C-alpha atoms as a PDB file:
ATOM      1  CA  UNK A   1      32.913  68.825   3.447  1.00  0.00           C
ATOM      2  CA  UNK A   2      31.857  67.269   0.147  1.00  0.00           C
ATOM      3  CA  UNK A   3      30.661  69.652  -2.549  1.00  0.00           C
ATOM      4  CA  UNK A   4      28.361  69.033  -5.484  1.00  0.00           C
ATOM      5  CA  UNK A   5      31.327  69.304  -7.849  1.00  0.00           C
ATOM      6  CA  UNK A   6      32.821  66.137  -6.280  1.00  0.00           C
ATOM      7  CA  UNK A   7      29.884  64.159  -7.728  1.00  0.00           C
ATOM      8  CA  UNK A   8      30.009  65.414 -11.327  1.00  0.00           C
ATOM      9  CA  UNK A   9      31.761  62.313 -12.670  1.00  0.00           C
ATOM     10  CA  UNK A  10      29.380  59.846 -11.019  1.00  0.00           C
ATOM     11  CA  UNK A  11      25.819  59.285 -12.194  1.00  0.00           C
ATOM     12  CA  UNK A  12      23.417  57.787  -9.681  1.00  0.00           C
ATOM     13  CA  UNK A  13      21.224  55.106 -11.219  1.00  0.00           C
ATOM     14  CA  UNK A  14      17.472  55.110 -10.685  1.00  0.00           C
ATOM     15  CA  UNK A  15      17.829  51.899  -8.647  1.00  0.00           C
ATOM     16  CA  UNK A  16      20.449  53.531  -6.373  1.00  0.00           C
ATOM     17  CA  UNK A  17      18.216  56.561  -5.976  1.00  0.00           C
ATOM     18  CA  UNK A  18      15.197  54.451  -4.995  1.00  0.00           C
ATOM     19  CA  UNK A  19      17.317  52.402  -2.602  1.00  0.00           C
ATOM     20  CA  UNK A  20      18.716  55.575  -1.034  1.00  0.00           C
ATOM     21  CA  UNK A  21      15.212  56.953  -0.527  1.00  0.00           C
ATOM     22  CA  UNK A  22      13.955  53.899   1.336  1.00  0.00           C
ATOM     23  CA  UNK A  23      16.686  52.048   3.206  1.00  0.00           C
ATOM     24  CA  UNK A  24      19.939  53.882   3.913  1.00  0.00           C
ATOM     25  CA  UNK A  25      18.256  57.314   3.629  1.00  0.00           C
ATOM     26  CA  UNK A  26      21.196  58.671   1.596  1.00  0.00           C
ATOM     27  CA  UNK A  27      18.697  60.668  -0.468  1.00  0.00           C
ATOM     28  CA  UNK A  28      16.172  61.460   2.270  1.00  0.00           C
ATOM     29  CA  UNK A  29      16.468  65.157   1.297  1.00  0.00           C
ATOM     30  CA  UNK A  30      14.608  64.249  -1.924  1.00  0.00           C
ATOM     31  CA  UNK A  31      11.495  63.069  -0.122  1.00  0.00           C
ATOM     32  CA  UNK A  32       9.451  66.078  -1.191  1.00  0.00           C
ATOM     33  CA  UNK A  33       6.160  64.148  -1.334  1.00  0.00           C
ATOM     34  CA  UNK A  34       4.416  64.113   2.038  1.00  0.00           C
ATOM     35  CA  UNK A  35       1.295  62.053   2.592  1.00  0.00           C
ATOM     36  CA  UNK A  36      -0.651  60.090   5.129  1.00  0.00           C
ATOM     37  CA  UNK A  37      -0.588  56.325   4.930  1.00  0.00           C
ATOM     38  CA  UNK A  38      -2.687  55.169   2.015  1.00  0.00           C
ATOM     39  CA  UNK A  39      -2.098  58.087  -0.347  1.00  0.00           C
ATOM     40  CA  UNK A  40      -0.930  57.096  -3.805  1.00  0.00           C
ATOM     41  CA  UNK A  41       1.162  59.463  -5.896  1.00  0.00           C
ATOM     42  CA  UNK A  42       0.344  59.575  -9.560  1.00  0.00           C
ATOM     43  CA  UNK A  43       0.486  61.849 -12.555  1.00  0.00           C
ATOM     44  CA  UNK A  44      -2.450  64.258 -12.445  1.00  0.00           C
ATOM     45  CA  UNK A  45      -2.737  64.274  -8.652  1.00  0.00           C
ATOM     46  CA  UNK A  46      -3.173  67.599  -6.823  1.00  0.00           C
ATOM     47  CA  UNK A  47      -0.705  68.752  -4.167  1.00  0.00           C
ATOM     48  CA  UNK A  48      -0.203  71.623  -1.769  1.00  0.00           C
ATOM     49  CA  UNK A  49       3.147  73.128  -2.843  1.00  0.00           C
ATOM     50  CA  UNK A  50       5.255  74.791  -0.116  1.00  0.00           C
ATOM     51  CA  UNK A  51       8.598  76.528  -0.675  1.00  0.00           C
ATOM     52  CA  UNK A  52      10.473  79.297   1.135  1.00  0.00           C
ATOM     53  CA  UNK A  53       8.833  81.931  -1.059  1.00  0.00           C
ATOM     54  CA  UNK A  54       5.455  80.561  -2.122  1.00  0.00           C
ATOM     55  CA  UNK A  55       2.663  78.080  -1.499  1.00  0.00           C
ATOM     56  CA  UNK A  56      -0.413  76.978  -3.364  1.00  0.00           C
ATOM     57  CA  UNK A  57      -2.286  74.162  -5.021  1.00  0.00           C
ATOM     58  CA  UNK A  58      -0.537  72.453  -7.964  1.00  0.00           C
ATOM     59  CA  UNK A  59      -1.049  69.408 -10.164  1.00  0.00           C
ATOM     60  CA  UNK A  60       1.746  66.934 -10.911  1.00  0.00           C
ATOM     61  CA  UNK A  61       1.953  66.839 -14.709  1.00  0.00           C
ATOM     62  CA  UNK A  62       5.132  64.795 -15.147  1.00  0.00           C
ATOM     63  CA  UNK A  63       8.119  63.429 -13.236  1.00  0.00           C
ATOM     64  CA  UNK A  64      11.306  61.873 -14.573  1.00  0.00           C
ATOM     65  CA  UNK A  65      14.894  61.183 -13.606  1.00  0.00           C
ATOM     66  CA  UNK A  66      17.966  61.709 -15.772  1.00  0.00           C
ATOM     67  CA  UNK A  67      21.645  62.581 -15.161  1.00  0.00           C
ATOM     68  CA  UNK A  68      21.328  62.928 -11.369  1.00  0.00           C
ATOM     69  CA  UNK A  69      18.339  65.270 -11.795  1.00  0.00           C
ATOM     70  CA  UNK A  70      14.760  64.649 -10.688  1.00  0.00           C
ATOM     71  CA  UNK A  71      12.578  66.755 -12.979  1.00  0.00           C
ATOM     72  CA  UNK A  72       9.008  67.599 -12.055  1.00  0.00           C
ATOM     73  CA  UNK A  73       6.500  69.508 -14.125  1.00  0.00           C
ATOM     74  CA  UNK A  74       3.904  71.178 -11.924  1.00  0.00           C
ATOM     75  CA  UNK A  75       0.838  73.131 -13.036  1.00  0.00           C
ATOM     76  CA  UNK A  76      -0.465  76.007 -10.925  1.00  0.00           C
ATOM     77  CA  UNK A  77      -4.165  75.350 -10.241  1.00  0.00           C
ATOM     78  CA  UNK A  78      -4.961  79.072 -10.183  1.00  0.00           C
ATOM     79  CA  UNK A  79      -3.313  80.185 -13.421  1.00  0.00           C
ATOM     80  CA  UNK A  80      -3.073  76.915 -15.349  1.00  0.00           C
ATOM     81  CA  UNK A  81       0.591  77.672 -16.086  1.00  0.00           C
ATOM     82  CA  UNK A  82       3.115  74.825 -15.917  1.00  0.00           C
ATOM     83  CA  UNK A  83       6.701  75.071 -14.678  1.00  0.00           C
ATOM     84  CA  UNK A  84       9.657  72.675 -14.531  1.00  0.00           C
ATOM     85  CA  UNK A  85      11.321  72.075 -11.158  1.00  0.00           C
ATOM     86  CA  UNK A  86      14.684  70.325 -10.979  1.00  0.00           C
ATOM     87  CA  UNK A  87      16.191  68.631  -7.932  1.00  0.00           C
ATOM     88  CA  UNK A  88      19.847  67.580  -8.053  1.00  0.00           C
ATOM     89  CA  UNK A  89      20.172  64.303  -6.128  1.00  0.00           C
ATOM     90  CA  UNK A  90      23.359  65.560  -4.452  1.00  0.00           C
ATOM     91  CA  UNK A  91      22.055  69.007  -3.426  1.00  0.00           C
ATOM     92  CA  UNK A  92      20.730  68.763   0.128  1.00  0.00           C
ATOM     93  CA  UNK A  93      19.351  72.317   0.256  1.00  0.00           C
ATOM     94  CA  UNK A  94      15.583  72.545   0.880  1.00  0.00           C
ATOM     95  CA  UNK A  95      13.674  73.392  -2.300  1.00  0.00           C
ATOM     96  CA  UNK A  96      10.002  72.559  -1.691  1.00  0.00           C
ATOM     97  CA  UNK A  97       7.487  70.083  -0.290  1.00  0.00           C
ATOM     98  CA  UNK A  98       4.428  68.585  -1.943  1.00  0.00           C
ATOM     99  CA  UNK A  99       1.631  67.535   0.412  1.00  0.00           C
ATOM    100  CA  UNK A 100      -1.137  65.390  -1.079  1.00  0.00           C
ATOM    101  CA  UNK A 101      -4.156  67.686  -1.542  1.00  0.00           C
ATOM    102  CA  UNK A 102      -6.560  64.923  -0.502  1.00  0.00           C
ATOM    103  CA  UNK A 103      -4.726  64.772   2.844  1.00  0.00           C
ATOM    104  CA  UNK A 104      -5.130  68.541   3.322  1.00  0.00           C
ATOM    105  CA  UNK A 105      -8.876  68.180   2.713  1.00  0.00           C
ATOM    106  CA  UNK A 106      -9.130  65.245   5.154  1.00  0.00           C
ATOM    107  CA  UNK A 107      -7.231  67.138   7.873  1.00  0.00           C
ATOM    108  CA  UNK A 108      -9.438  70.231   7.507  1.00  0.00           C
ATOM    109  CA  UNK A 109     -12.603  68.147   7.528  1.00  0.00           C
ATOM    110  CA  UNK A 110     -11.507  66.135  10.575  1.00  0.00           C
ATOM    111  CA  UNK A 111     -10.546  69.313  12.421  1.00  0.00           C
ATOM    112  CA  UNK A 112     -13.802  71.090  11.601  1.00  0.00           C
ATOM    113  CA  UNK A 113     -15.919  68.089  12.632  1.00  0.00           C
ATOM    114  CA  UNK A 114     -14.203  67.854  16.008  1.00  0.00           C
ATOM    115  CA  UNK A 115     -14.163  71.562  16.864  1.00  0.00           C
ATOM    116  CA  UNK A 116     -17.360  72.926  15.320  1.00  0.00           C
ATOM    117  CA  UNK A 117     -20.606  73.138  17.210  1.00  0.00           C
ATOM    118  CA  UNK A 118     -23.410  74.523  15.039  1.00  0.00           C
ATOM    119  CA  UNK A 119     -24.592  76.808  17.856  1.00  0.00           C
ATOM    120  CA  UNK A 120     -21.129  78.364  18.174  1.00  0.00           C
ATOM    121  CA  UNK A 121     -21.162  79.597  14.603  1.00  0.00           C
ATOM    122  CA  UNK A 122     -23.493  82.491  15.508  1.00  0.00           C
ATOM    123  CA  UNK A 123     -21.806  83.517  18.791  1.00  0.00           C
ATOM    124  CA  UNK A 124     -19.173  86.233  18.829  1.00  0.00           C
ATOM    125  CA  UNK A 125     -17.112  87.039  21.914  1.00  0.00           C
ATOM    126  CA  UNK A 126     -15.974  90.676  22.142  1.00  0.00           C
END
């Protein structure tokens, strides 16, 4: 088994990282952004943050890559507080997912349009 310490002397370039995300899937564990086709990720966009211990709405404030680390600054929409999150490109342990907030809204709206009948809103089955 290869450990993270085996990679300390090698720095992955941004080009290698991007290539590994798209073609050979070497860095597929870093695909923390989930979206439907057509969503565009940009600074200032809202996301649904999901980790093992928490979930909630956040805003992407900044993202950068340096020394095998992907650094994200996320702002909690409830409190307004910002926090840095770091992902080591060689650490395959699950950290969190970010789902485009606009996709969450679309899914809820589509689901409610399909399953809601205005007359059913006032009926209760006991």
